[in-house]
């Protein structure tokens, strides 16, 4: 139940997979999108993605996923959570519309070609990163943690507080958050 995305589909400046953000909104909230298009015209995708990115930077990914964003008087949910019962088919369909994506070797920086081993996205919004190490190559979870601490610049937009739900250091035997 996930989509494999390429590192090129990731917008480094916005910290989003814009295609997935827009596809989710189009699938779940077409009437709101139509209203927003009246304000933004042909630049709607660009303007909306920029708005989502700014809201995540200001309020954090979790807050935006929980409460959505507003733009030009239009309210958009950016995630659909599992309904408490299966009785409401409409809510079940909304939940099924969520787009989970995985990007391997995510190049996250505009300044260089540094990459993360793995990044998981929900509806185009990055939620988890992971540095993966293999004991057979002589690396372990300690090397992954050292990579996050020493090689990952906290000033990079993707690593700013609130932008992600969690970062994982993983080897064959252990996982640290």
C-alpha atoms as a PDB file:
ATOM      1  CA  UNK A   1       0.000   0.000   0.000  1.00  0.00           C
ATOM      2  CA  UNK A   2       2.745   2.511  -0.787  1.00  0.00           C
ATOM      3  CA  UNK A   3       4.213   4.222  -3.846  1.00  0.00           C
ATOM      4  CA  UNK A   4       7.908   4.224  -4.666  1.00  0.00           C
ATOM      5  CA  UNK A   5       8.989   7.721  -5.627  1.00  0.00           C
ATOM      6  CA  UNK A   6      12.307   8.852  -7.040  1.00  0.00           C
ATOM      7  CA  UNK A   7      14.524  11.443  -5.358  1.00  0.00           C
ATOM      8  CA  UNK A   8      13.865  13.759  -8.327  1.00  0.00           C
ATOM      9  CA  UNK A   9      10.155  13.965  -7.420  1.00  0.00           C
ATOM     10  CA  UNK A  10      11.070  15.607  -4.108  1.00  0.00           C
ATOM     11  CA  UNK A  11      11.116  19.413  -4.100  1.00  0.00           C
ATOM     12  CA  UNK A  12      14.126  20.322  -1.955  1.00  0.00           C
ATOM     13  CA  UNK A  13      13.065  23.928  -1.426  1.00  0.00           C
ATOM     14  CA  UNK A  14       9.504  23.071  -0.330  1.00  0.00           C
ATOM     15  CA  UNK A  15      10.355  19.766   1.431  1.00  0.00           C
ATOM     16  CA  UNK A  16       7.390  18.101  -0.319  1.00  0.00           C
ATOM     17  CA  UNK A  17       6.441  15.727  -3.073  1.00  0.00           C
ATOM     18  CA  UNK A  18       4.121  18.276  -4.652  1.00  0.00           C
ATOM     19  CA  UNK A  19       2.508  15.742  -6.975  1.00  0.00           C
ATOM     20  CA  UNK A  20       1.260  13.660  -4.028  1.00  0.00           C
ATOM     21  CA  UNK A  21       0.019  16.672  -2.045  1.00  0.00           C
ATOM     22  CA  UNK A  22      -2.044  17.840  -5.009  1.00  0.00           C
ATOM     23  CA  UNK A  23      -3.225  14.349  -5.989  1.00  0.00           C
ATOM     24  CA  UNK A  24      -4.541  13.734  -2.472  1.00  0.00           C
ATOM     25  CA  UNK A  25      -6.403  17.047  -2.387  1.00  0.00           C
ATOM     26  CA  UNK A  26      -7.854  16.505  -5.864  1.00  0.00           C
ATOM     27  CA  UNK A  27      -9.055  13.021  -4.895  1.00  0.00           C
ATOM     28  CA  UNK A  28     -10.627  14.075  -1.606  1.00  0.00           C
ATOM     29  CA  UNK A  29     -11.609  17.748  -1.900  1.00  0.00           C
ATOM     30  CA  UNK A  30     -12.254  18.632  -5.547  1.00  0.00           C
ATOM     31  CA  UNK A  31     -14.841  21.348  -4.822  1.00  0.00           C
ATOM     32  CA  UNK A  32     -12.465  23.253  -2.493  1.00  0.00           C
ATOM     33  CA  UNK A  33      -9.718  22.921  -5.098  1.00  0.00           C
ATOM     34  CA  UNK A  34     -12.033  24.384  -7.729  1.00  0.00           C
ATOM     35  CA  UNK A  35     -12.754  27.374  -5.461  1.00  0.00           C
ATOM     36  CA  UNK A  36      -9.041  27.900  -4.845  1.00  0.00           C
ATOM     37  CA  UNK A  37      -8.327  27.733  -8.572  1.00  0.00           C
ATOM     38  CA  UNK A  38     -10.608  30.737  -9.051  1.00  0.00           C
ATOM     39  CA  UNK A  39      -8.162  32.732  -6.880  1.00  0.00           C
ATOM     40  CA  UNK A  40      -4.829  31.350  -8.112  1.00  0.00           C
ATOM     41  CA  UNK A  41      -5.616  30.402 -11.721  1.00  0.00           C
ATOM     42  CA  UNK A  42      -3.011  28.366 -13.580  1.00  0.00           C
ATOM     43  CA  UNK A  43      -0.404  28.779 -10.829  1.00  0.00           C
ATOM     44  CA  UNK A  44      -2.582  26.919  -8.310  1.00  0.00           C
ATOM     45  CA  UNK A  45      -0.263  23.907  -7.836  1.00  0.00           C
ATOM     46  CA  UNK A  46       2.768  26.091  -7.202  1.00  0.00           C
ATOM     47  CA  UNK A  47       0.906  28.473  -4.876  1.00  0.00           C
ATOM     48  CA  UNK A  48      -0.791  25.679  -2.925  1.00  0.00           C
ATOM     49  CA  UNK A  49       2.442  23.705  -2.447  1.00  0.00           C
ATOM     50  CA  UNK A  50       4.173  26.855  -1.244  1.00  0.00           C
ATOM     51  CA  UNK A  51       1.352  27.493   1.240  1.00  0.00           C
ATOM     52  CA  UNK A  52       1.525  23.935   2.591  1.00  0.00           C
ATOM     53  CA  UNK A  53       5.299  24.165   2.985  1.00  0.00           C
ATOM     54  CA  UNK A  54       5.051  27.484   4.848  1.00  0.00           C
ATOM     55  CA  UNK A  55       2.356  26.135   7.155  1.00  0.00           C
ATOM     56  CA  UNK A  56       4.496  23.087   7.983  1.00  0.00           C
ATOM     57  CA  UNK A  57       7.495  25.343   8.680  1.00  0.00           C
ATOM     58  CA  UNK A  58       5.380  27.534  10.990  1.00  0.00           C
ATOM     59  CA  UNK A  59       3.108  24.988  12.697  1.00  0.00           C
ATOM     60  CA  UNK A  60       4.874  21.650  12.226  1.00  0.00           C
ATOM     61  CA  UNK A  61       4.024  18.585  10.169  1.00  0.00           C
ATOM     62  CA  UNK A  62       1.893  16.932  12.844  1.00  0.00           C
ATOM     63  CA  UNK A  63      -0.302  20.010  13.335  1.00  0.00           C
ATOM     64  CA  UNK A  64      -0.777  20.420   9.576  1.00  0.00           C
ATOM     65  CA  UNK A  65      -1.618  16.740   9.111  1.00  0.00           C
ATOM     66  CA  UNK A  66      -4.124  16.885  11.974  1.00  0.00           C
ATOM     67  CA  UNK A  67      -5.789  20.217  11.167  1.00  0.00           C
ATOM     68  CA  UNK A  68      -5.030  20.958   7.520  1.00  0.00           C
ATOM     69  CA  UNK A  69      -4.377  24.343   5.946  1.00  0.00           C
ATOM     70  CA  UNK A  70      -6.417  27.320   4.839  1.00  0.00           C
ATOM     71  CA  UNK A  71      -5.745  29.312   1.705  1.00  0.00           C
ATOM     72  CA  UNK A  72      -7.865  32.151   0.322  1.00  0.00           C
ATOM     73  CA  UNK A  73     -10.839  31.103   2.453  1.00  0.00           C
ATOM     74  CA  UNK A  74     -10.612  27.437   1.416  1.00  0.00           C
ATOM     75  CA  UNK A  75      -9.887  24.737   4.023  1.00  0.00           C
ATOM     76  CA  UNK A  76      -7.957  21.614   3.037  1.00  0.00           C
ATOM     77  CA  UNK A  77      -7.352  18.436   5.009  1.00  0.00           C
ATOM     78  CA  UNK A  78      -3.963  16.928   4.228  1.00  0.00           C
ATOM     79  CA  UNK A  79      -4.596  13.513   5.762  1.00  0.00           C
ATOM     80  CA  UNK A  80      -7.611  11.306   6.372  1.00  0.00           C
ATOM     81  CA  UNK A  81      -7.499   9.307   9.562  1.00  0.00           C
ATOM     82  CA  UNK A  82      -8.989   5.870  10.096  1.00  0.00           C
ATOM     83  CA  UNK A  83     -12.680   6.154  10.938  1.00  0.00           C
ATOM     84  CA  UNK A  84     -13.740   4.767  14.304  1.00  0.00           C
ATOM     85  CA  UNK A  85     -16.157   2.370  12.584  1.00  0.00           C
ATOM     86  CA  UNK A  86     -16.642   0.954   9.130  1.00  0.00           C
ATOM     87  CA  UNK A  87     -20.241   2.152   8.936  1.00  0.00           C
ATOM     88  CA  UNK A  88     -19.514   5.392   7.100  1.00  0.00           C
ATOM     89  CA  UNK A  89     -18.413   4.494   3.582  1.00  0.00           C
ATOM     90  CA  UNK A  90     -17.487   8.083   2.714  1.00  0.00           C
ATOM     91  CA  UNK A  91     -14.996   8.307   5.602  1.00  0.00           C
ATOM     92  CA  UNK A  92     -13.557   4.907   4.682  1.00  0.00           C
ATOM     93  CA  UNK A  93     -13.026   6.109   1.103  1.00  0.00           C
ATOM     94  CA  UNK A  94     -11.302   9.266   2.324  1.00  0.00           C
ATOM     95  CA  UNK A  95      -8.974   7.182   4.485  1.00  0.00           C
ATOM     96  CA  UNK A  96      -8.227   4.893   1.534  1.00  0.00           C
ATOM     97  CA  UNK A  97      -7.223   7.944  -0.533  1.00  0.00           C
ATOM     98  CA  UNK A  98      -4.121   8.574   1.631  1.00  0.00           C
ATOM     99  CA  UNK A  99      -0.935   8.271  -0.419  1.00  0.00           C
ATOM    100  CA  UNK A 100       2.006   6.672   1.353  1.00  0.00           C
ATOM    101  CA  UNK A 101       5.307   6.989  -0.480  1.00  0.00           C
ATOM    102  CA  UNK A 102       8.899   5.899   0.045  1.00  0.00           C
ATOM    103  CA  UNK A 103      11.964   7.581  -1.380  1.00  0.00           C
ATOM    104  CA  UNK A 104      15.344   5.866  -1.222  1.00  0.00           C
ATOM    105  CA  UNK A 105      18.471   8.022  -1.202  1.00  0.00           C
ATOM    106  CA  UNK A 106      16.533  11.248  -0.734  1.00  0.00           C
ATOM    107  CA  UNK A 107      18.670  14.224  -1.718  1.00  0.00           C
ATOM    108  CA  UNK A 108      17.363  16.772   0.760  1.00  0.00           C
ATOM    109  CA  UNK A 109      19.719  19.743   0.449  1.00  0.00           C
ATOM    110  CA  UNK A 110      19.715  22.623  -2.015  1.00  0.00           C
ATOM    111  CA  UNK A 111      23.361  23.317  -1.120  1.00  0.00           C
ATOM    112  CA  UNK A 112      24.838  19.868  -1.864  1.00  0.00           C
ATOM    113  CA  UNK A 113      23.994  16.306  -2.890  1.00  0.00           C
ATOM    114  CA  UNK A 114      23.781  14.842   0.636  1.00  0.00           C
ATOM    115  CA  UNK A 115      21.158  12.156   0.934  1.00  0.00           C
ATOM    116  CA  UNK A 116      19.210  10.172   3.501  1.00  0.00           C
ATOM    117  CA  UNK A 117      18.871   6.422   3.093  1.00  0.00           C
ATOM    118  CA  UNK A 118      15.082   6.457   3.358  1.00  0.00           C
ATOM    119  CA  UNK A 119      12.215   8.910   3.762  1.00  0.00           C
ATOM    120  CA  UNK A 120       8.534   8.074   4.236  1.00  0.00           C
ATOM    121  CA  UNK A 121       5.813  10.469   3.090  1.00  0.00           C
ATOM    122  CA  UNK A 122       2.105  10.808   3.777  1.00  0.00           C
ATOM    123  CA  UNK A 123       0.284  12.649   1.010  1.00  0.00           C
ATOM    124  CA  UNK A 124       3.527  14.261  -0.126  1.00  0.00           C
ATOM    125  CA  UNK A 125       4.536  15.435   3.341  1.00  0.00           C
ATOM    126  CA  UNK A 126       7.717  13.869   4.783  1.00  0.00           C
ATOM    127  CA  UNK A 127       7.019  12.236   8.125  1.00  0.00           C
ATOM    128  CA  UNK A 128       9.935   9.862   8.873  1.00  0.00           C
ATOM    129  CA  UNK A 129      13.569   9.558   7.830  1.00  0.00           C
ATOM    130  CA  UNK A 130      15.881   6.622   8.414  1.00  0.00           C
ATOM    131  CA  UNK A 131      19.586   5.977   8.177  1.00  0.00           C
ATOM    132  CA  UNK A 132      20.002   2.264   7.524  1.00  0.00           C
ATOM    133  CA  UNK A 133      23.145   0.377   8.481  1.00  0.00           C
ATOM    134  CA  UNK A 134      24.130  -3.233   7.924  1.00  0.00           C
ATOM    135  CA  UNK A 135      26.350  -5.158  10.318  1.00  0.00           C
ATOM    136  CA  UNK A 136      27.757  -7.132   7.361  1.00  0.00           C
ATOM    137  CA  UNK A 137      29.334  -3.926   6.019  1.00  0.00           C
ATOM    138  CA  UNK A 138      30.808  -3.089   9.422  1.00  0.00           C
ATOM    139  CA  UNK A 139      28.318  -0.366  10.286  1.00  0.00           C
ATOM    140  CA  UNK A 140      25.753  -0.335  13.061  1.00  0.00           C
ATOM    141  CA  UNK A 141      23.138   1.882  14.643  1.00  0.00           C
ATOM    142  CA  UNK A 142      25.866   3.934  16.344  1.00  0.00           C
ATOM    143  CA  UNK A 143      27.166   4.931  12.898  1.00  0.00           C
ATOM    144  CA  UNK A 144      23.648   5.963  11.877  1.00  0.00           C
ATOM    145  CA  UNK A 145      23.261   8.099  15.013  1.00  0.00           C
ATOM    146  CA  UNK A 146      26.686   9.671  14.416  1.00  0.00           C
ATOM    147  CA  UNK A 147      25.597  10.469  10.873  1.00  0.00           C
ATOM    148  CA  UNK A 148      22.505  12.321  12.119  1.00  0.00           C
ATOM    149  CA  UNK A 149      24.528  14.172  14.759  1.00  0.00           C
ATOM    150  CA  UNK A 150      27.590  15.036  12.699  1.00  0.00           C
ATOM    151  CA  UNK A 151      26.702  14.970   9.014  1.00  0.00           C
ATOM    152  CA  UNK A 152      23.153  16.377   9.044  1.00  0.00           C
ATOM    153  CA  UNK A 153      23.004  20.150   9.280  1.00  0.00           C
ATOM    154  CA  UNK A 154      20.112  21.132  11.585  1.00  0.00           C
ATOM    155  CA  UNK A 155      19.743  24.363   9.594  1.00  0.00           C
ATOM    156  CA  UNK A 156      18.580  22.373   6.553  1.00  0.00           C
ATOM    157  CA  UNK A 157      14.805  22.862   6.170  1.00  0.00           C
ATOM    158  CA  UNK A 158      14.086  19.117   6.371  1.00  0.00           C
ATOM    159  CA  UNK A 159      15.805  18.869   9.771  1.00  0.00           C
ATOM    160  CA  UNK A 160      14.228  21.909  11.404  1.00  0.00           C
ATOM    161  CA  UNK A 161      12.138  21.290  14.489  1.00  0.00           C
ATOM    162  CA  UNK A 162       8.607  20.145  13.688  1.00  0.00           C
ATOM    163  CA  UNK A 163       9.240  19.372  10.020  1.00  0.00           C
ATOM    164  CA  UNK A 164       9.348  15.610  10.697  1.00  0.00           C
ATOM    165  CA  UNK A 165       7.565  13.301  13.081  1.00  0.00           C
ATOM    166  CA  UNK A 166      10.708  11.242  13.752  1.00  0.00           C
ATOM    167  CA  UNK A 167      14.190  10.304  12.538  1.00  0.00           C
ATOM    168  CA  UNK A 168      15.282   6.671  12.854  1.00  0.00           C
ATOM    169  CA  UNK A 169      18.740   5.134  13.152  1.00  0.00           C
ATOM    170  CA  UNK A 170      18.467   1.469  12.129  1.00  0.00           C
ATOM    171  CA  UNK A 171      20.696  -1.563  11.875  1.00  0.00           C
ATOM    172  CA  UNK A 172      19.996  -5.289  11.657  1.00  0.00           C
ATOM    173  CA  UNK A 173      19.394  -5.600  15.399  1.00  0.00           C
ATOM    174  CA  UNK A 174      18.465  -2.173  16.799  1.00  0.00           C
ATOM    175  CA  UNK A 175      16.338   0.870  16.069  1.00  0.00           C
ATOM    176  CA  UNK A 176      16.725   4.255  17.728  1.00  0.00           C
ATOM    177  CA  UNK A 177      14.402   7.236  17.327  1.00  0.00           C
END
